Protein backbone atom coordinates (compact mmCIF):
# COMPACT_ATOMS: atom_id res chain seq x y z
CA MET A 1 0.00 0.00 0.00
CA ILE A 2 1.28 3.45 -0.86
CA THR A 3 1.89 5.68 2.14
CA GLU A 4 1.82 9.43 2.68
CA SER A 5 5.43 9.86 1.60
CA ALA A 6 7.28 12.80 0.15
CA THR A 7 7.21 12.97 -3.64
CA GLY A 8 10.72 14.29 -4.21
CA THR A 9 11.93 10.95 -5.63
CA ALA A 10 8.72 10.14 -7.53
CA SER A 11 8.84 9.54 -11.27
CA PRO A 12 7.50 12.28 -13.56
CA ALA A 13 4.44 10.13 -14.33
CA THR A 14 3.70 9.59 -10.63
CA SER A 15 4.22 13.27 -9.85
CA ALA A 16 1.79 14.22 -12.62
CA LEU A 17 -0.81 11.77 -11.28
CA LEU A 18 -0.46 13.09 -7.71
CA ALA A 19 -0.81 16.66 -8.96
CA THR A 20 -3.98 15.70 -10.85
CA VAL A 21 -5.47 13.96 -7.80
CA GLY A 22 -4.53 16.90 -5.58
CA ASN A 23 -6.16 19.39 -7.93
CA LYS A 24 -9.34 17.33 -7.99
CA VAL A 25 -9.45 17.09 -4.19
CA ARG A 26 -9.05 20.86 -3.91
CA SER A 27 -11.64 21.69 -6.58
CA MET A 28 -14.22 19.25 -5.19
CA ARG A 29 -13.67 20.57 -1.66
CA LYS A 30 -14.21 24.15 -2.83
CA GLU A 31 -17.26 23.16 -4.89
CA LYS A 32 -18.82 21.87 -1.68
CA GLY A 33 -17.91 25.06 0.19
CA MET A 34 -15.61 23.21 2.57
CA THR A 35 -12.44 24.52 4.19
CA LEU A 36 -9.34 22.43 4.81
CA ALA A 37 -10.38 22.29 8.47
CA ASN A 38 -13.85 21.02 7.53
CA LEU A 39 -12.48 18.22 5.35
CA SER A 40 -9.87 17.37 7.96
CA GLU A 41 -12.50 17.02 10.68
CA ILE A 42 -14.80 14.84 8.56
CA THR A 43 -12.03 12.52 7.33
CA GLY A 44 -9.91 12.35 10.47
CA LEU A 45 -6.86 13.39 8.45
CA SER A 46 -4.67 16.23 9.64
CA PRO A 47 -5.00 19.61 7.86
CA ALA A 48 -1.30 19.35 6.97
CA ILE A 49 -1.78 16.02 5.17
CA VAL A 50 -4.86 17.27 3.30
CA SER A 51 -2.95 20.38 2.25
CA GLN A 52 0.05 18.35 1.05
CA ILE A 53 -2.21 16.03 -0.96
CA GLU A 54 -3.98 18.99 -2.58
CA ARG A 55 -0.63 20.45 -3.59
CA GLY A 56 0.61 17.11 -4.98
CA LEU A 57 3.34 16.95 -2.33
CA ALA A 58 2.21 13.70 -0.66
CA ASN A 59 1.69 10.19 -1.99
CA PRO A 60 -1.56 9.12 -0.26
CA SER A 61 -2.38 5.51 0.58
CA PHE A 62 -5.47 3.81 -0.81
CA THR A 63 -7.12 4.09 2.63
CA THR A 64 -6.40 7.84 2.77
CA LEU A 65 -7.98 8.35 -0.66
CA ALA A 66 -11.02 6.41 0.51
CA GLN A 67 -11.27 8.66 3.59
CA LEU A 68 -11.10 11.76 1.37
CA ALA A 69 -13.74 10.31 -0.95
CA HIS A 70 -16.03 9.64 2.02
CA GLY A 71 -15.49 13.19 3.26
CA LEU A 72 -16.34 14.62 -0.15
CA ASP A 73 -19.22 12.14 -0.66
CA ILE A 74 -17.85 10.83 -3.97
CA PRO A 75 -16.58 7.47 -5.27
CA VAL A 76 -12.80 7.04 -4.98
CA GLY A 77 -12.60 6.47 -8.73
CA LYS A 78 -13.65 10.06 -9.39
CA PHE A 79 -10.15 11.16 -8.40
CA PHE A 80 -8.78 9.19 -11.35
CA ILE A 81 -11.24 10.01 -14.12
CA GLY A 82 -9.26 10.77 -17.26
CA GLN A 83 -6.29 8.68 -16.15
CA ALA A 84 -5.35 5.65 -18.22
CA GLU A 85 -6.21 2.34 -16.53
CA THR A 86 -3.07 0.18 -16.55
CA ARG A 87 -4.14 -2.40 -13.99
CA SER A 88 -4.72 -5.97 -15.20
CA PRO A 89 -8.39 -6.91 -15.71
CA VAL A 90 -7.68 -10.02 -13.64
CA VAL A 91 -7.74 -9.97 -9.84
CA ARG A 92 -6.00 -12.99 -8.31
CA LYS A 93 -7.24 -14.28 -4.99
CA THR A 94 -3.95 -13.35 -3.35
CA GLU A 95 -4.05 -9.81 -4.80
CA ARG A 96 -7.45 -8.64 -3.59
CA ARG A 97 -7.42 -5.28 -1.82
CA ASN A 98 -8.44 -5.57 1.82
CA LEU A 99 -11.06 -2.91 2.55
CA LYS A 100 -10.79 -3.15 6.32
CA GLY A 101 -11.23 0.37 7.68
CA VAL A 102 -12.03 1.70 4.22
CA THR A 103 -15.75 0.97 3.93
CA ARG A 104 -18.16 1.66 6.80
CA GLU A 105 -19.57 -1.85 6.37
CA SER A 106 -16.26 -3.55 7.23
CA VAL A 107 -16.75 -3.55 10.99
CA GLY A 108 -15.70 -6.07 13.62
CA GLU A 109 -14.31 -9.34 12.28
CA ALA A 110 -15.99 -9.05 8.88
CA VAL A 111 -13.71 -9.50 5.85
CA HIS A 112 -14.25 -7.20 2.86
CA GLU A 113 -12.04 -7.70 -0.21
CA LEU A 114 -12.26 -5.90 -3.54
CA LEU A 115 -12.94 -8.20 -6.52
CA THR A 116 -12.85 -5.50 -9.19
CA PRO A 117 -9.37 -4.43 -10.38
CA GLY A 118 -9.49 -0.66 -10.69
CA LEU A 119 -11.26 2.49 -9.58
CA ASN A 120 -12.32 3.86 -12.95
CA GLY A 121 -15.19 1.47 -13.66
CA GLY A 122 -18.86 1.93 -12.94
CA ILE A 123 -19.21 -1.06 -10.61
CA GLU A 124 -17.57 -2.36 -7.45
CA ALA A 125 -17.67 -6.02 -6.42
CA GLN A 126 -16.63 -7.32 -3.02
CA TRP A 127 -15.99 -10.72 -1.45
CA ILE A 128 -17.52 -10.48 2.02
CA MET A 129 -17.22 -12.90 4.94
CA THR A 130 -19.26 -12.12 8.06
CA PRO A 131 -18.93 -14.19 11.24
CA PRO A 132 -21.81 -15.24 13.51
CA GLY A 133 -23.06 -12.24 15.47
CA HIS A 134 -22.06 -9.66 12.87
CA ASP A 135 -24.57 -6.79 13.12
CA THR A 136 -24.58 -3.31 11.53
CA SER A 137 -28.09 -2.31 12.69
CA SER A 138 -26.69 0.46 14.91
CA ASN A 139 -25.39 2.26 11.81
CA PRO A 140 -27.81 1.90 8.86
CA PHE A 141 -26.42 2.73 5.42
CA SER A 142 -28.01 4.95 2.79
CA HIS A 143 -26.32 6.29 -0.34
CA SER A 144 -26.85 6.65 -4.05
CA GLY A 145 -26.75 3.68 -6.41
CA GLU A 146 -27.96 0.10 -6.49
CA GLU A 147 -26.73 -3.09 -4.81
CA PHE A 148 -26.78 -6.80 -5.61
CA CYS A 149 -25.84 -9.62 -3.26
CA TYR A 150 -25.36 -13.35 -3.89
CA ILE A 151 -24.92 -15.73 -0.96
CA VAL A 152 -22.11 -18.18 -1.70
CA SER A 153 -22.45 -20.07 1.60
CA GLY A 154 -24.10 -19.63 4.97
CA LYS A 155 -27.01 -17.33 5.80
CA LYS A 156 -27.53 -13.60 6.22
CA ASP A 157 -30.36 -11.22 7.05
CA VAL A 158 -30.58 -8.09 4.91
CA TYR A 159 -32.83 -5.35 6.30
CA LEU A 160 -34.37 -2.84 3.90
CA ASP A 161 -36.06 0.02 5.74
CA GLY A 162 -36.64 -2.33 8.67
CA VAL A 163 -38.01 -5.24 6.62
CA CYS A 164 -35.94 -8.42 7.09
CA HIS A 165 -34.99 -10.54 4.07
CA SER A 166 -33.39 -13.83 5.17
CA LEU A 167 -31.00 -15.18 2.55
CA SER A 168 -29.47 -18.65 2.31
CA GLU A 169 -26.87 -20.26 0.04
CA GLY A 170 -27.77 -19.60 -3.60
CA ASP A 171 -30.15 -16.72 -2.84
CA SER A 172 -29.65 -13.19 -4.16
CA ILE A 173 -31.13 -9.75 -3.55
CA THR A 174 -31.13 -6.45 -5.46
CA TYR A 175 -32.18 -3.09 -4.02
CA SER A 176 -31.75 0.67 -4.24
CA SER A 177 -28.90 1.84 -2.00
CA GLU A 178 -30.98 4.89 -1.07
CA ILE A 179 -33.19 2.63 1.07
CA PRO A 180 -31.81 2.54 4.65
CA HIS A 181 -30.22 -0.90 4.94
CA TRP A 182 -28.23 -2.98 7.39
CA TYR A 183 -27.09 -6.56 7.86
CA LYS A 184 -27.06 -9.31 10.49
CA ASN A 185 -25.59 -12.76 10.68
CA SER A 186 -27.75 -14.28 13.41
CA TYR A 187 -26.68 -17.80 12.55
CA GLU A 188 -23.98 -20.24 13.66
CA GLU A 189 -21.75 -20.22 10.58
CA VAL A 190 -19.72 -17.69 8.63
CA CYS A 191 -21.61 -16.17 5.71
CA VAL A 192 -19.71 -15.75 2.44
CA ALA A 193 -21.25 -13.41 -0.13
CA ILE A 194 -20.45 -11.51 -3.31
CA TRP A 195 -21.67 -7.91 -3.14
CA VAL A 196 -21.90 -5.59 -6.12
CA ASN A 197 -22.43 -1.81 -5.95
CA ALA A 198 -23.15 0.41 -8.94
CA PRO A 199 -21.71 2.95 -9.00
CA HIS A 200 -18.84 2.71 -6.52
CA ALA A 201 -20.10 3.22 -2.96
CA TRP A 202 -16.82 4.66 -1.58
């Protein structure tokens, strides 16, 4: 994972990309009428780091970009629109990005891994494993887009505006992400599911 490092030794291509991302962060922040302090408070990042990123002087990690995207209420991929996608279309099992601490849904012992290769596409697919007792009812989710879930193994309860939909192996569900939703694994085995969001939810 890339860290918030100085860019003095970065290649010209990397420096250009960081400058582009920084300019987009700054312009989107100003479009929303936010100050550096506002964005810092929402994201939990220091004002100094946000300022360095905006000026193209820091090399932010994937998690930091996700925090900025959350703070600006945009998909992470929006930072990279117009950039050539060089990542392989294939995502190997051992190369999945761990979204722990990146998405609000990845709480407790739940495992969230990214199945889609890049950030420029219109969809996001995740491999999600939730242990018995996993419960996000205290923090319902609501955002733009649409979601699809397929249960690979185990069971899971998906709540849409308070209505429980119990899913078992082989079941699937599709719903508008604008509907307040949350999840529970009230059963005795780990639930494995494939979750698709369109567009990106973070």
